[in-house]
Amino acid sequence: QVQLVESGGGLVQPGGSLRLSCAASGFTFRRYSMYWYRQAPEKERELVATITSGGGSTNYADSVKGRFTISRDNAKYTVYLQMNSLKPEDTAVYYCAAPGYWGQGTQVTVSS
C-alpha cells in the first residue's frame, strides 16, 4: 500500500533551518507531482510547495518563497523540504502528499 513517512521536524530557533524528508513507497514515485502542506493550530491546511514528477518545476506559497526549497530524488523515492530563515509563524505540522495520499505529518516548532 501507499506510504508516505515524514521526518526531520523539531524545535528550532527563529532564523534557523530544518530539512524535512518524506520517504514514499507503494506507488511509482517518479510519475507523480509531490506536495508539502502545513497546518498550524486552529488554521486550515495550507499548500506550501509543489514539485513536478521530474523535478523540473516547483511552486511555493508566497509566505515561504525565497526561504523554502522543495526537491526530490526519484531514485530514492524521497521528497525534501529545505526550510531556511524560519519564523515563529512557520510553526505547524508539515505533511507530505501525493495525489490522494497523505503522510502522518511532522511537527515543526520555531521558538526562542
Protein backbone atom coordinates (compact mmCIF):
# COMPACT_ATOMS: atom_id res chain seq x y z
CA GLN A 1 0.00 0.00 0.00
CA VAL A 2 0.98 3.62 -0.39
CA GLN A 3 3.05 5.01 2.46
CA LEU A 4 4.44 8.49 2.98
CA VAL A 5 6.67 8.87 6.02
CA GLU A 6 7.91 12.31 7.02
CA SER A 7 10.92 13.00 9.20
CA GLY A 8 13.17 15.89 10.18
CA GLY A 9 10.84 18.07 12.19
CA GLY A 10 11.72 19.52 15.56
CA LEU A 11 12.29 22.64 17.61
CA VAL A 12 14.41 25.40 16.07
CA GLN A 13 15.13 29.00 16.94
CA PRO A 14 13.93 31.84 14.70
CA GLY A 15 16.33 32.26 11.81
CA GLY A 16 17.32 28.62 11.91
CA SER A 17 16.97 25.85 9.36
CA LEU A 18 15.44 22.41 9.10
CA ARG A 19 15.30 19.84 6.33
CA LEU A 20 12.21 17.67 6.12
CA SER A 21 12.25 14.36 4.27
CA CYS A 22 9.38 12.23 3.01
CA ALA A 23 10.05 8.61 2.11
CA ALA A 24 7.50 7.22 -0.32
CA SER A 25 6.58 3.63 -1.14
CA GLY A 26 3.81 1.62 -2.74
CA PHE A 27 3.49 3.60 -5.96
CA THR A 28 5.59 4.69 -8.92
CA PHE A 29 7.02 7.78 -7.30
CA ARG A 30 8.68 9.23 -10.38
CA ARG A 31 5.35 9.57 -12.20
CA TYR A 32 3.71 11.96 -9.75
CA SER A 33 3.97 15.52 -8.57
CA MET A 34 4.56 15.76 -4.85
CA TYR A 35 3.43 18.32 -2.31
CA TRP A 36 4.23 19.71 1.12
CA TYR A 37 1.39 21.12 3.17
CA ARG A 38 1.27 22.52 6.68
CA GLN A 39 -1.38 23.09 9.29
CA ALA A 40 -0.98 25.41 12.22
CA PRO A 41 -3.24 25.19 15.29
CA GLU A 42 -6.75 26.44 14.57
CA LYS A 43 -5.87 27.18 10.94
CA GLU A 44 -6.72 25.47 7.68
CA ARG A 45 -4.22 23.22 5.95
CA GLU A 46 -2.06 25.27 3.58
CA LEU A 47 -0.19 24.17 0.44
CA VAL A 48 3.43 25.15 0.97
CA ALA A 49 5.30 23.74 -2.04
CA THR A 50 4.83 21.62 -5.14
CA ILE A 51 7.30 19.78 -7.35
CA THR A 52 6.53 18.08 -10.65
CA SER A 53 7.30 14.44 -11.34
CA GLY A 54 10.71 15.07 -12.88
CA GLY A 55 11.60 17.87 -10.53
CA GLY A 56 11.80 20.43 -13.29
CA SER A 57 9.16 22.78 -11.94
CA THR A 58 8.39 23.96 -8.44
CA ASN A 59 5.89 26.33 -6.87
CA TYR A 60 5.68 27.91 -3.45
CA ALA A 61 3.24 29.72 -1.24
CA ASP A 62 4.01 33.43 -1.10
CA SER A 63 4.68 33.11 2.62
CA VAL A 64 7.70 30.82 2.07
CA LYS A 65 9.12 31.99 -1.27
CA GLY A 66 12.83 32.62 -1.08
CA ARG A 67 13.14 30.70 2.20
CA PHE A 68 11.94 27.15 1.44
CA THR A 69 13.12 24.81 -1.31
CA ILE A 70 11.39 21.61 -2.40
CA SER A 71 13.40 18.91 -4.14
CA ARG A 72 13.18 15.21 -4.88
CA ASP A 73 15.34 12.19 -5.53
CA ASN A 74 13.37 9.78 -7.70
CA ALA A 75 15.97 7.04 -7.28
CA LYS A 76 15.45 7.19 -3.51
CA TYR A 77 11.67 7.72 -3.64
CA THR A 78 12.12 10.75 -1.42
CA VAL A 79 10.98 14.36 -1.47
CA TYR A 80 12.59 17.06 0.66
CA LEU A 81 11.71 20.47 2.02
CA GLN A 82 14.67 22.65 2.97
CA MET A 83 13.46 25.41 5.27
CA ASN A 84 15.73 28.38 5.97
CA SER A 85 15.24 31.64 7.85
CA LEU A 86 12.46 30.06 9.86
CA LYS A 87 9.95 32.29 11.59
CA PRO A 88 7.58 31.60 14.50
CA GLU A 89 4.70 31.72 12.05
CA ASP A 90 6.17 28.68 10.28
CA THR A 91 5.23 26.60 13.32
CA ALA A 92 2.89 23.85 12.13
CA VAL A 93 2.53 20.18 11.40
CA TYR A 94 4.06 19.59 7.98
CA TYR A 95 2.57 16.93 5.71
CA CYS A 96 3.91 15.27 2.62
CA ALA A 97 1.31 14.39 -0.01
CA ALA A 98 0.93 12.55 -3.27
CA PRO A 99 -2.30 12.68 -5.28
CA GLY A 100 -4.88 11.07 -2.99
CA TYR A 101 -2.47 10.23 -0.18
CA TRP A 102 -1.08 11.89 2.94
CA GLY A 103 1.70 11.24 5.36
CA GLN A 104 1.22 11.33 9.12
CA GLY A 105 2.92 14.70 9.50
CA THR A 106 5.94 16.01 11.37
CA GLN A 107 5.86 18.85 13.88
CA VAL A 108 7.95 21.95 13.26
CA THR A 109 8.17 24.46 16.10
CA VAL A 110 10.01 27.75 15.69
CA SER A 111 10.56 29.40 19.02
CA SER A 112 13.26 31.02 21.11
